[in-house]
PDB file of N, CA and C in Angstrom:
ATOM      1  N   MET A   1      29.073 151.628  97.889  1.00  0.00           N
ATOM      2  CA  MET A   1      28.614 150.915  96.728  1.00  0.00           C
ATOM      3  C   MET A   1      29.480 149.692  96.471  1.00  0.00           C
ATOM      4  N   VAL A   2      30.771 149.841  96.649  1.00  0.00           N
ATOM      5  CA  VAL A   2      31.676 148.717  96.426  1.00  0.00           C
ATOM      6  C   VAL A   2      31.298 147.566  97.347  1.00  0.00           C
ATOM      7  N   ILE A   3      31.073 147.879  98.602  1.00  0.00           N
ATOM      8  CA  ILE A   3      30.720 146.846  99.578  1.00  0.00           C
ATOM      9  C   ILE A   3      29.410 146.167  99.190  1.00  0.00           C
ATOM     10  N   SER A   4      28.449 146.922  98.689  1.00  0.00           N
ATOM     11  CA  SER A   4      27.166 146.316  98.318  1.00  0.00           C
ATOM     12  C   SER A   4      27.334 145.304  97.195  1.00  0.00           C
ATOM     13  N   PHE A   5      28.135 145.629  96.182  1.00  0.00           N
ATOM     14  CA  PHE A   5      28.353 144.697  95.073  1.00  0.00           C
ATOM     15  C   PHE A   5      29.143 143.478  95.516  1.00  0.00           C
ATOM     16  N   VAL A   6      30.198 143.690  96.295  1.00  0.00           N
ATOM     17  CA  VAL A   6      31.018 142.569  96.750  1.00  0.00           C
ATOM     18  C   VAL A   6      30.209 141.652  97.658  1.00  0.00           C
ATOM     19  N   LEU A   7      29.410 142.231  98.538  1.00  0.00           N
ATOM     20  CA  LEU A   7      28.580 141.428  99.432  1.00  0.00           C
ATOM     21  C   LEU A   7      27.605 140.561  98.641  1.00  0.00           C
ATOM     22  N   LEU A   8      26.962 141.124  97.658  1.00  0.00           N
ATOM     23  CA  LEU A   8      26.016 140.365  96.840  1.00  0.00           C
ATOM     24  C   LEU A   8      26.734 139.285  96.039  1.00  0.00           C
ATOM     25  N   LEU A   9      27.921 139.595  95.571  1.00  0.00           N
ATOM     26  CA  LEU A   9      28.701 138.624  94.802  1.00  0.00           C
ATOM     27  C   LEU A   9      29.155 137.453  95.662  1.00  0.00           C
ATOM     28  N   VAL A  10      29.634 137.742  96.868  1.00  0.00           N
ATOM     29  CA  VAL A  10      30.197 136.718  97.743  1.00  0.00           C
ATOM     30  C   VAL A  10      29.113 135.942  98.485  1.00  0.00           C
ATOM     31  N   ALA A  11      28.119 136.644  99.010  1.00  0.00           N
ATOM     32  CA  ALA A  11      27.140 136.007  99.891  1.00  0.00           C
ATOM     33  C   ALA A  11      25.964 135.384  99.147  1.00  0.00           C
ATOM     34  N   GLY A  12      25.773 135.715  97.901  1.00  0.00           N
ATOM     35  CA  GLY A  12      24.640 135.141  97.180  1.00  0.00           C
ATOM     36  C   GLY A  12      23.417 136.026  97.262  1.00  0.00           C
ATOM     37  N   ALA A  13      22.365 135.563  96.613  1.00  0.00           N
ATOM     38  CA  ALA A  13      21.168 136.391  96.465  1.00  0.00           C
ATOM     39  C   ALA A  13      20.003 135.844  97.281  1.00  0.00           C
ATOM     40  N   SER A  14      20.115 135.921  98.580  1.00  0.00           N
ATOM     41  CA  SER A  14      18.968 135.593  99.430  1.00  0.00           C
ATOM     42  C   SER A  14      18.177 136.875  99.676  1.00  0.00           C
ATOM     43  N   THR A  15      17.029 136.745 100.275  1.00  0.00           N
ATOM     44  CA  THR A  15      16.196 137.912 100.549  1.00  0.00           C
ATOM     45  C   THR A  15      16.912 138.898 101.465  1.00  0.00           C
ATOM     46  N   VAL A  16      17.548 138.389 102.494  1.00  0.00           N
ATOM     47  CA  VAL A  16      18.265 139.249 103.437  1.00  0.00           C
ATOM     48  C   VAL A  16      19.416 139.961 102.732  1.00  0.00           C
ATOM     49  N   GLN A  17      20.161 139.229 101.908  1.00  0.00           N
ATOM     50  CA  GLN A  17      21.276 139.832 101.192  1.00  0.00           C
ATOM     51  C   GLN A  17      20.808 140.908 100.225  1.00  0.00           C
ATOM     52  N   LEU A  18      19.675 140.681  99.580  1.00  0.00           N
ATOM     53  CA  LEU A  18      19.149 141.683  98.656  1.00  0.00           C
ATOM     54  C   LEU A  18      18.705 142.949  99.387  1.00  0.00           C
ATOM     55  N   VAL A  19      18.146 142.789 100.579  1.00  0.00           N
ATOM     56  CA  VAL A  19      17.758 143.959 101.377  1.00  0.00           C
ATOM     57  C   VAL A  19      19.008 144.732 101.802  1.00  0.00           C
ATOM     58  N   ILE A  20      20.029 144.005 102.258  1.00  0.00           N
ATOM     59  CA  ILE A  20      21.274 144.662 102.659  1.00  0.00           C
ATOM     60  C   ILE A  20      21.922 145.349 101.456  1.00  0.00           C
ATOM     61  N   PHE A  21      21.925 144.676 100.298  1.00  0.00           N
ATOM     62  CA  PHE A  21      22.458 145.275  99.081  1.00  0.00           C
ATOM     63  C   PHE A  21      21.726 146.578  98.759  1.00  0.00           C
ATOM     64  N   THR A  22      20.397 146.539  98.820  1.00  0.00           N
ATOM     65  CA  THR A  22      19.597 147.715  98.496  1.00  0.00           C
ATOM     66  C   THR A  22      19.908 148.867  99.444  1.00  0.00           C
ATOM     67  N   LEU A  23      20.039 148.582 100.720  1.00  0.00           N
ATOM     68  CA  LEU A  23      20.349 149.627 101.701  1.00  0.00           C
ATOM     69  C   LEU A  23      21.740 150.230 101.454  1.00  0.00           C
ATOM     70  N   LEU A  24      22.734 149.368 101.281  1.00  0.00           N
ATOM     71  CA  LEU A  24      24.094 149.863 101.059  1.00  0.00           C
ATOM     72  C   LEU A  24      24.215 150.615  99.730  1.00  0.00           C
ATOM     73  N   PHE A  25      23.597 150.071  98.689  1.00  0.00           N
ATOM     74  CA  PHE A  25      23.648 150.719  97.382  1.00  0.00           C
ATOM     75  C   PHE A  25      22.952 152.082  97.427  1.00  0.00           C
ATOM     76  N   SER A  26      21.809 152.152  98.102  1.00  0.00           N
ATOM     77  CA  SER A  26      21.077 153.415  98.221  1.00  0.00           C
ATOM     78  C   SER A  26      21.870 154.432  99.028  1.00  0.00           C
ATOM     79  N   PHE A  27      22.509 153.982 100.095  1.00  0.00           N
ATOM     80  CA  PHE A  27      23.352 154.878 100.885  1.00  0.00           C
ATOM     81  C   PHE A  27      24.492 155.416 100.033  1.00  0.00           C
ATOM     82  N   GLY A  28      25.147 154.543  99.265  1.00  0.00           N
ATOM     83  CA  GLY A  28      26.225 154.967  98.377  1.00  0.00           C
ATOM     84  C   GLY A  28      25.741 155.943  97.324  1.00  0.00           C
ATOM     85  N   GLY A  29      24.550 155.704  96.777  1.00  0.00           N
ATOM     86  CA  GLY A  29      23.979 156.622  95.793  1.00  0.00           C
ATOM     87  C   GLY A  29      23.688 157.986  96.395  1.00  0.00           C
ATOM     88  N   GLY A  30      23.226 158.008  97.627  1.00  0.00           N
ATOM     89  CA  GLY A  30      22.972 159.273  98.312  1.00  0.00           C
ATOM     90  C   GLY A  30      24.245 160.056  98.563  1.00  0.00           C
ATOM     91  N   VAL A  31      25.283 159.355  98.986  1.00  0.00           N
ATOM     92  CA  VAL A  31      26.578 160.006  99.213  1.00  0.00           C
ATOM     93  C   VAL A  31      27.111 160.563  97.894  1.00  0.00           C
ATOM     94  N   MET A  32      26.955 159.795  96.819  1.00  0.00           N
ATOM     95  CA  MET A  32      27.419 160.270  95.509  1.00  0.00           C
ATOM     96  C   MET A  32      26.639 161.502  95.063  1.00  0.00           C
ATOM     97  N   ALA A  33      25.344 161.545  95.325  1.00  0.00           N
ATOM     98  CA  ALA A  33      24.537 162.702  94.932  1.00  0.00           C
ATOM     99  C   ALA A  33      24.981 163.954  95.686  1.00  0.00           C
ATOM    100  N   VAL A  34      25.245 163.798  96.979  1.00  0.00           N
ATOM    101  CA  VAL A  34      25.714 164.936  97.771  1.00  0.00           C
ATOM    102  C   VAL A  34      27.097 165.375  97.289  1.00  0.00           C
ATOM    103  N   ALA A  35      27.973 164.410  97.037  1.00  0.00           N
ATOM    104  CA  ALA A  35      29.317 164.740  96.555  1.00  0.00           C
ATOM    105  C   ALA A  35      29.257 165.433  95.205  1.00  0.00           C
ATOM    106  N   ARG A  36      28.368 164.967  94.343  1.00  0.00           N
ATOM    107  CA  ARG A  36      28.244 165.575  93.014  1.00  0.00           C
ATOM    108  C   ARG A  36      27.792 167.035  93.130  1.00  0.00           C
ATOM    109  N   ALA A  37      26.942 167.324  94.080  1.00  0.00           N
ATOM    110  CA  ALA A  37      26.456 168.691  94.241  1.00  0.00           C
ATOM    111  C   ALA A  37      27.487 169.593  94.918  1.00  0.00           C
ATOM    112  N   LEU A  38      28.256 169.042  95.856  1.00  0.00           N
ATOM    113  CA  LEU A  38      29.167 169.873  96.641  1.00  0.00           C
ATOM    114  C   LEU A  38      30.593 169.907  96.129  1.00  0.00           C
ATOM    115  N   LEU A  39      31.006 168.920  95.356  1.00  0.00           N
ATOM    116  CA  LEU A  39      32.386 168.864  94.891  1.00  0.00           C
ATOM    117  C   LEU A  39      32.803 170.098  94.100  1.00  0.00           C
ATOM    118  N   PRO A  40      32.015 170.550  93.128  1.00  0.00           N
ATOM    119  CA  PRO A  40      32.438 171.760  92.405  1.00  0.00           C
ATOM    120  C   PRO A  40      32.551 172.986  93.316  1.00  0.00           C
ATOM    121  N   LEU A  41      31.694 173.074  94.315  1.00  0.00           N
ATOM    122  CA  LEU A  41      31.748 174.211  95.225  1.00  0.00           C
ATOM    123  C   LEU A  41      32.996 174.155  96.100  1.00  0.00           C
ATOM    124  N   ALA A  42      33.433 172.941  96.424  1.00  0.00           N
ATOM    125  CA  ALA A  42      34.642 172.799  97.234  1.00  0.00           C
ATOM    126  C   ALA A  42      35.905 173.083  96.423  1.00  0.00           C
ATOM    127  N   LEU A  43      35.846 172.862  95.122  1.00  0.00           N
ATOM    128  CA  LEU A  43      37.035 173.015  94.291  1.00  0.00           C
ATOM    129  C   LEU A  43      37.136 174.375  93.625  1.00  0.00           C
ATOM    130  N   PHE A  44      35.998 175.019  93.369  1.00  0.00           N
ATOM    131  CA  PHE A  44      35.991 176.259  92.592  1.00  0.00           C
ATOM    132  C   PHE A  44      35.246 177.346  93.352  1.00  0.00           C
ATOM    133  N   SER A  45      35.378 178.566  92.891  1.00  0.00           N
ATOM    134  CA  SER A  45      34.697 179.679  93.548  1.00  0.00           C
ATOM    135  C   SER A  45      33.195 179.604  93.271  1.00  0.00           C
ATOM    136  N   PRO A  46      32.389 180.238  94.124  1.00  0.00           N
ATOM    137  CA  PRO A  46      30.944 180.227  93.883  1.00  0.00           C
ATOM    138  C   PRO A  46      30.549 180.819  92.523  1.00  0.00           C
ATOM    139  N   ALA A  47      31.336 181.755  92.027  1.00  0.00           N
ATOM    140  CA  ALA A  47      31.030 182.349  90.723  1.00  0.00           C
ATOM    141  C   ALA A  47      31.237 181.354  89.581  1.00  0.00           C
ATOM    142  N   GLU A  48      32.164 180.419  89.755  1.00  0.00           N
ATOM    143  CA  GLU A  48      32.452 179.424  88.713  1.00  0.00           C
ATOM    144  C   GLU A  48      31.700 178.117  88.922  1.00  0.00           C
ATOM    145  N   TYR A  49      30.892 178.038  89.975  1.00  0.00           N
ATOM    146  CA  TYR A  49      30.225 176.794  90.350  1.00  0.00           C
ATOM    147  C   TYR A  49      29.382 176.208  89.210  1.00  0.00           C
ATOM    148  N   GLY A  50      28.563 177.021  88.591  1.00  0.00           N
ATOM    149  CA  GLY A  50      27.667 176.527  87.540  1.00  0.00           C
ATOM    150  C   GLY A  50      28.413 175.956  86.348  1.00  0.00           C
ATOM    151  N   LEU A  51      29.428 176.670  85.902  1.00  0.00           N
ATOM    152  CA  LEU A  51      30.206 176.224  84.744  1.00  0.00           C
ATOM    153  C   LEU A  51      30.903 174.898  85.036  1.00  0.00           C
ATOM    154  N   HIS A  52      31.594 174.824  86.153  1.00  0.00           N
ATOM    155  CA  HIS A  52      32.350 173.618  86.466  1.00  0.00           C
ATOM    156  C   HIS A  52      31.433 172.467  86.875  1.00  0.00           C
ATOM    157  N   SER A  53      30.317 172.775  87.474  1.00  0.00           N
ATOM    158  CA  SER A  53      29.346 171.728  87.800  1.00  0.00           C
ATOM    159  C   SER A  53      28.831 171.073  86.521  1.00  0.00           C
ATOM    160  N   ALA A  54      28.562 171.877  85.511  1.00  0.00           N
ATOM    161  CA  ALA A  54      28.102 171.328  84.229  1.00  0.00           C
ATOM    162  C   ALA A  54      29.210 170.524  83.551  1.00  0.00           C
ATOM    163  N   ARG A  55      30.430 171.020  83.604  1.00  0.00           N
ATOM    164  CA  ARG A  55      31.549 170.300  82.993  1.00  0.00           C
ATOM    165  C   ARG A  55      31.794 168.957  83.673  1.00  0.00           C
ATOM    166  N   LEU A  56      31.694 168.920  84.990  1.00  0.00           N
ATOM    167  CA  LEU A  56      31.878 167.671  85.718  1.00  0.00           C
ATOM    168  C   LEU A  56      30.665 166.749  85.569  1.00  0.00           C
ATOM    169  N   GLY A  57      29.490 167.328  85.412  1.00  0.00           N
ATOM    170  CA  GLY A  57      28.269 166.530  85.327  1.00  0.00           C
ATOM    171  C   GLY A  57      28.049 165.872  83.977  1.00  0.00           C
ATOM    172  N   LEU A  58      28.548 166.471  82.910  1.00  0.00           N
ATOM    173  CA  LEU A  58      28.320 165.920  81.576  1.00  0.00           C
ATOM    174  C   LEU A  58      28.825 164.487  81.425  1.00  0.00           C
ATOM    175  N   PRO A  59      30.075 164.177  81.786  1.00  0.00           N
ATOM    176  CA  PRO A  59      30.517 162.783  81.646  1.00  0.00           C
ATOM    177  C   PRO A  59      29.700 161.805  82.497  1.00  0.00           C
ATOM    178  N   GLN A  60      29.322 162.253  83.697  1.00  0.00           N
ATOM    179  CA  GLN A  60      28.524 161.376  84.555  1.00  0.00           C
ATOM    180  C   GLN A  60      27.138 161.148  83.959  1.00  0.00           C
ATOM    181  N   ASN A  61      26.545 162.179  83.407  1.00  0.00           N
ATOM    182  CA  ASN A  61      25.232 162.015  82.776  1.00  0.00           C
ATOM    183  C   ASN A  61      25.305 161.088  81.568  1.00  0.00           C
ATOM    184  N   LEU A  62      26.360 161.204  80.782  1.00  0.00           N
ATOM    185  CA  LEU A  62      26.532 160.307  79.641  1.00  0.00           C
ATOM    186  C   LEU A  62      26.725 158.866  80.109  1.00  0.00           C
ATOM    187  N   ALA A  63      27.517 158.676  81.154  1.00  0.00           N
ATOM    188  CA  ALA A  63      27.726 157.329  81.694  1.00  0.00           C
ATOM    189  C   ALA A  63      26.423 156.759  82.245  1.00  0.00           C
ATOM    190  N   ASN A  64      25.634 157.589  82.915  1.00  0.00           N
ATOM    191  CA  ASN A  64      24.345 157.123  83.439  1.00  0.00           C
ATOM    192  C   ASN A  64      23.381 156.762  82.318  1.00  0.00           C
ATOM    193  N   ALA A  65      23.497 157.430  81.191  1.00  0.00           N
ATOM    194  CA  ALA A  65      22.606 157.142  80.068  1.00  0.00           C
ATOM    195  C   ALA A  65      22.974 155.833  79.377  1.00  0.00           C
ATOM    196  N   ILE A  66      24.255 155.545  79.261  1.00  0.00           N
ATOM    197  CA  ILE A  66      24.691 154.346  78.545  1.00  0.00           C
ATOM    198  C   ILE A  66      24.764 153.114  79.457  1.00  0.00           C
ATOM    199  N   ALA A  67      24.819 153.310  80.764  1.00  0.00           N
ATOM    200  CA  ALA A  67      24.994 152.203  81.705  1.00  0.00           C
ATOM    201  C   ALA A  67      23.942 151.098  81.570  1.00  0.00           C
ATOM    202  N   PRO A  68      22.649 151.401  81.453  1.00  0.00           N
ATOM    203  CA  PRO A  68      21.681 150.297  81.334  1.00  0.00           C
ATOM    204  C   PRO A  68      21.899 149.436  80.096  1.00  0.00           C
ATOM    205  N   VAL A  69      22.290 150.048  78.998  1.00  0.00           N
ATOM    206  CA  VAL A  69      22.535 149.293  77.767  1.00  0.00           C
ATOM    207  C   VAL A  69      23.748 148.382  77.938  1.00  0.00           C
ATOM    208  N   VAL A  70      24.816 148.918  78.503  1.00  0.00           N
ATOM    209  CA  VAL A  70      26.029 148.132  78.702  1.00  0.00           C
ATOM    210  C   VAL A  70      25.787 147.018  79.718  1.00  0.00           C
ATOM    211  N   PHE A  71      25.105 147.333  80.817  1.00  0.00           N
ATOM    212  CA  PHE A  71      24.825 146.332  81.843  1.00  0.00           C
ATOM    213  C   PHE A  71      23.961 145.203  81.269  1.00  0.00           C
ATOM    214  N   THR A  72      22.971 145.553  80.473  1.00  0.00           N
ATOM    215  CA  THR A  72      22.120 144.536  79.845  1.00  0.00           C
ATOM    216  C   THR A  72      22.922 143.671  78.884  1.00  0.00           C
ATOM    217  N   ALA A  73      23.823 144.271  78.133  1.00  0.00           N
ATOM    218  CA  ALA A  73      24.666 143.504  77.213  1.00  0.00           C
ATOM    219  C   ALA A  73      25.569 142.536  77.973  1.00  0.00           C
ATOM    220  N   ILE A  74      26.125 142.991  79.093  1.00  0.00           N
ATOM    221  CA  ILE A  74      26.967 142.108  79.907  1.00  0.00           C
ATOM    222  C   ILE A  74      26.130 140.959  80.462  1.00  0.00           C
ATOM    223  N   LEU A  75      24.950 141.258  80.965  1.00  0.00           N
ATOM    224  CA  LEU A  75      24.067 140.196  81.475  1.00  0.00           C
ATOM    225  C   LEU A  75      23.689 139.212  80.374  1.00  0.00           C
ATOM    226  N   ASP A  76      23.441 139.722  79.183  1.00  0.00           N
ATOM    227  CA  ASP A  76      23.004 138.876  78.074  1.00  0.00           C
ATOM    228  C   ASP A  76      24.135 137.994  77.552  1.00  0.00           C
ATOM    229  N   HIS A  77      25.337 138.541  77.449  1.00  0.00           N
ATOM    230  CA  HIS A  77      26.442 137.798  76.849  1.00  0.00           C
ATOM    231  C   HIS A  77      27.320 137.081  77.868  1.00  0.00           C
ATOM    232  N   ALA A  78      27.235 137.453  79.126  1.00  0.00           N
ATOM    233  CA  ALA A  78      28.069 136.814  80.146  1.00  0.00           C
ATOM    234  C   ALA A  78      27.160 136.216  81.225  1.00  0.00           C
ATOM    235  N   SER A  79      27.248 136.744  82.425  1.00  0.00           N
ATOM    236  CA  SER A  79      26.424 136.239  83.527  1.00  0.00           C
ATOM    237  C   SER A  79      26.264 137.320  84.583  1.00  0.00           C
ATOM    238  N   ALA A  80      25.375 137.063  85.528  1.00  0.00           N
ATOM    239  CA  ALA A  80      25.155 138.023  86.612  1.00  0.00           C
ATOM    240  C   ALA A  80      26.404 138.232  87.466  1.00  0.00           C
ATOM    241  N   PRO A  81      27.149 137.169  87.844  1.00  0.00           N
ATOM    242  CA  PRO A  81      28.372 137.416  88.629  1.00  0.00           C
ATOM    243  C   PRO A  81      29.397 138.284  87.887  1.00  0.00           C
ATOM    244  N   ILE A  82      29.504 138.116  86.596  1.00  0.00           N
ATOM    245  CA  ILE A  82      30.441 138.952  85.837  1.00  0.00           C
ATOM    246  C   ILE A  82      29.942 140.396  85.818  1.00  0.00           C
ATOM    247  N   ALA A  83      28.645 140.592  85.645  1.00  0.00           N
ATOM    248  CA  ALA A  83      28.086 141.945  85.662  1.00  0.00           C
ATOM    249  C   ALA A  83      28.298 142.601  87.025  1.00  0.00           C
ATOM    250  N   LEU A  84      28.107 141.850  88.111  1.00  0.00           N
ATOM    251  CA  LEU A  84      28.342 142.390  89.450  1.00  0.00           C
ATOM    252  C   LEU A  84      29.819 142.706  89.657  1.00  0.00           C
ATOM    253  N   THR A  85      30.691 141.873  89.113  1.00  0.00           N
ATOM    254  CA  THR A  85      32.128 142.132  89.217  1.00  0.00           C
ATOM    255  C   THR A  85      32.502 143.414  88.488  1.00  0.00           C
ATOM    256  N   VAL A  86      31.958 143.602  87.293  1.00  0.00           N
ATOM    257  CA  VAL A  86      32.207 144.842  86.547  1.00  0.00           C
ATOM    258  C   VAL A  86      31.719 146.046  87.355  1.00  0.00           C
ATOM    259  N   CYS A  87      30.539 145.946  87.941  1.00  0.00           N
ATOM    260  CA  CYS A  87      30.007 147.043  88.757  1.00  0.00           C
ATOM    261  C   CYS A  87      30.898 147.322  89.965  1.00  0.00           C
ATOM    262  N   ALA A  88      31.366 146.266  90.628  1.00  0.00           N
ATOM    263  CA  ALA A  88      32.235 146.440  91.791  1.00  0.00           C
ATOM    264  C   ALA A  88      33.546 147.101  91.393  1.00  0.00           C
ATOM    265  N   VAL A  89      34.112 146.679  90.269  1.00  0.00           N
ATOM    266  CA  VAL A  89      35.377 147.269  89.802  1.00  0.00           C
ATOM    267  C   VAL A  89      35.180 148.747  89.450  1.00  0.00           C
ATOM    268  N   LEU A  90      34.096 149.064  88.760  1.00  0.00           N
ATOM    269  CA  LEU A  90      33.842 150.460  88.400  1.00  0.00           C
ATOM    270  C   LEU A  90      33.573 151.318  89.637  1.00  0.00           C
ATOM    271  N   ALA A  91      32.854 150.780  90.617  1.00  0.00           N
ATOM    272  CA  ALA A  91      32.611 151.522  91.856  1.00  0.00           C
ATOM    273  C   ALA A  91      33.910 151.734  92.618  1.00  0.00           C
ATOM    274  N   ALA A  92      34.781 150.722  92.643  1.00  0.00           N
ATOM    275  CA  ALA A  92      36.083 150.869  93.306  1.00  0.00           C
ATOM    276  C   ALA A  92      36.946 151.899  92.582  1.00  0.00           C
ATOM    277  N   LEU A  93      36.892 151.892  91.258  1.00  0.00           N
ATOM    278  CA  LEU A  93      37.632 152.875  90.483  1.00  0.00           C
ATOM    279  C   LEU A  93      37.134 154.291  90.774  1.00  0.00           C
ATOM    280  N   ALA A  94      35.822 154.459  90.836  1.00  0.00           N
ATOM    281  CA  ALA A  94      35.247 155.772  91.158  1.00  0.00           C
ATOM    282  C   ALA A  94      35.688 156.229  92.548  1.00  0.00           C
ATOM    283  N   LEU A  95      35.676 155.304  93.511  1.00  0.00           N
ATOM    284  CA  LEU A  95      36.110 155.633  94.865  1.00  0.00           C
ATOM    285  C   LEU A  95      37.582 156.038  94.875  1.00  0.00           C
ATOM    286  N   ALA A  96      38.419 155.292  94.159  1.00  0.00           N
ATOM    287  CA  ALA A  96      39.848 155.617  94.107  1.00  0.00           C
ATOM    288  C   ALA A  96      40.081 156.976  93.461  1.00  0.00           C
ATOM    289  N   LEU A  97      39.335 157.286  92.407  1.00  0.00           N
ATOM    290  CA  LEU A  97      39.503 158.578  91.743  1.00  0.00           C
ATOM    291  C   LEU A  97      39.047 159.733  92.631  1.00  0.00           C
ATOM    292  N   ILE A  98      37.977 159.530  93.377  1.00  0.00           N
ATOM    293  CA  ILE A  98      37.515 160.584  94.288  1.00  0.00           C
ATOM    294  C   ILE A  98      38.521 160.789  95.416  1.00  0.00           C
ATOM    295  N   MET A  99      39.093 159.699  95.902  1.00  0.00           N
ATOM    296  CA  MET A  99      40.111 159.829  96.945  1.00  0.00           C
ATOM    297  C   MET A  99      41.352 160.543  96.399  1.00  0.00           C
ATOM    298  N   ALA A 100      41.739 160.238  95.161  1.00  0.00           N
ATOM    299  CA  ALA A 100      42.882 160.917  94.540  1.00  0.00           C
ATOM    300  C   ALA A 100      42.584 162.401  94.345  1.00  0.00           C
ATOM    301  N   LEU A 101      41.360 162.722  93.948  1.00  0.00           N
ATOM    302  CA  LEU A 101      40.970 164.117  93.792  1.00  0.00           C
ATOM    303  C   LEU A 101      41.018 164.840  95.132  1.00  0.00           C
ATOM    304  N   GLY A 102      40.549 164.188  96.174  1.00  0.00           N
ATOM    305  CA  GLY A 102      40.625 164.778  97.510  1.00  0.00           C
ATOM    306  C   GLY A 102      42.058 165.045  97.938  1.00  0.00           C
ATOM    307  N   LEU A 103      42.948 164.130  97.607  1.00  0.00           N
ATOM    308  CA  LEU A 103      44.368 164.318  97.920  1.00  0.00           C
ATOM    309  C   LEU A 103      44.947 165.499  97.150  1.00  0.00           C
ATOM    310  N   LEU A 104      44.575 165.626  95.884  1.00  0.00           N
ATOM    311  CA  LEU A 104      45.046 166.763  95.092  1.00  0.00           C
ATOM    312  C   LEU A 104      44.541 168.084  95.663  1.00  0.00           C
ATOM    313  N   VAL A 105      43.293 168.105  96.088  1.00  0.00           N
ATOM    314  CA  VAL A 105      42.724 169.329  96.661  1.00  0.00           C
ATOM    315  C   VAL A 105      43.431 169.682  97.960  1.00  0.00           C
ATOM    316  N   ARG A 106      43.710 168.685  98.792  1.00  0.00           N
ATOM    317  CA  ARG A 106      44.416 168.958 100.048  1.00  0.00           C
ATOM    318  C   ARG A 106      45.817 169.507  99.789  1.00  0.00           C
ATOM    319  N   ARG A 107      46.499 168.905  98.812  1.00  0.00           N
ATOM    320  CA  ARG A 107      47.841 169.387  98.481  1.00  0.00           C
ATOM    321  C   ARG A 107      47.809 170.811  97.948  1.00  0.00           C
ATOM    322  N   ALA A 108      46.814 171.134  97.146  1.00  0.00           N
ATOM    323  CA  ALA A 108      46.701 172.470  96.589  1.00  0.00           C
ATOM    324  C   ALA A 108      46.314 173.489  97.655  1.00  0.00           C
ATOM    325  N   ALA A 109      45.588 173.052  98.686  1.00  0.00           N
ATOM    326  CA  ALA A 109      45.124 173.959  99.724  1.00  0.00           C
ATOM    327  C   ALA A 109      46.221 174.273 100.749  1.00  0.00           C
ATOM    328  N   THR A 110      47.183 173.371 100.926  1.00  0.00           N
ATOM    329  CA  THR A 110      48.239 173.624 101.885  1.00  0.00           C
ATOM    330  C   THR A 110      49.391 174.338 101.189  1.00  0.00           C
ATOM    331  N   PRO A 111      49.934 175.355 101.837  1.00  0.00           N
ATOM    332  CA  PRO A 111      51.035 176.087 101.216  1.00  0.00           C
ATOM    333  C   PRO A 111      52.277 175.200 101.125  1.00  0.00           C
ATOM    334  N   ASP A 112      53.062 175.441 100.110  1.00  0.00           N
ATOM    335  CA  ASP A 112      54.294 174.693  99.901  1.00  0.00           C
ATOM    336  C   ASP A 112      55.254 174.961 101.048  1.00  0.00           C
ATOM    337  N   ARG A 113      55.801 173.899 101.615  1.00  0.00           N
ATOM    338  CA  ARG A 113      56.710 174.073 102.759  1.00  0.00           C
ATOM    339  C   ARG A 113      57.985 174.808 102.373  1.00  0.00           C
ATOM    340  N   ALA A 114      58.468 174.555 101.159  1.00  0.00           N
ATOM    341  CA  ALA A 114      59.677 175.251 100.718  1.00  0.00           C
ATOM    342  C   ALA A 114      59.442 176.752 100.602  1.00  0.00           C
ATOM    343  N   ALA A 115      58.248 177.131 100.114  1.00  0.00           N
ATOM    344  CA  ALA A 115      57.922 178.563  99.995  1.00  0.00           C
ATOM    345  C   ALA A 115      57.735 179.179 101.380  1.00  0.00           C
ATOM    346  N   ALA A 116      57.206 178.404 102.316  1.00  0.00           N
ATOM    347  CA  ALA A 116      56.981 178.912 103.665  1.00  0.00           C
ATOM    348  C   ALA A 116      58.304 179.140 104.395  1.00  0.00           C
ATOM    349  N   ILE A 117      59.300 178.275 104.114  1.00  0.00           N
ATOM    350  CA  ILE A 117      60.595 178.407 104.777  1.00  0.00           C
ATOM    351  C   ILE A 117      61.354 179.614 104.220  1.00  0.00           C
ATOM    352  N   ALA A 118      61.257 179.818 102.924  1.00  0.00           N
ATOM    353  CA  ALA A 118      61.985 180.921 102.282  1.00  0.00           C
ATOM    354  C   ALA A 118      61.333 182.210 102.657  1.00  0.00           C
TER     355      ALA A 118
END
């Protein structure tokens, strides 16, 4: 998703660029949908999946509900490049947070070396 926004911002809005943007954005959305469905299962037991899936999904659902209003306000009061920049920054932030979460999960899954030595 980050690449799709940056590409559209840098390369401009030609027909080819819009098609490439749509493909990259759709691919990113698909990856996010799969991650949203599988992330709770990777982090929690199958018995806790429903509870934690709902807890993780609520903020995302609220953000998805308010996003069109905020995006329209940015377009109305600023410009399309600023709106695309905001989208790129938010997508990069989401990517960084998911990578940080993955790092935390890996650290939690590997036994502590000090405990293993003792």
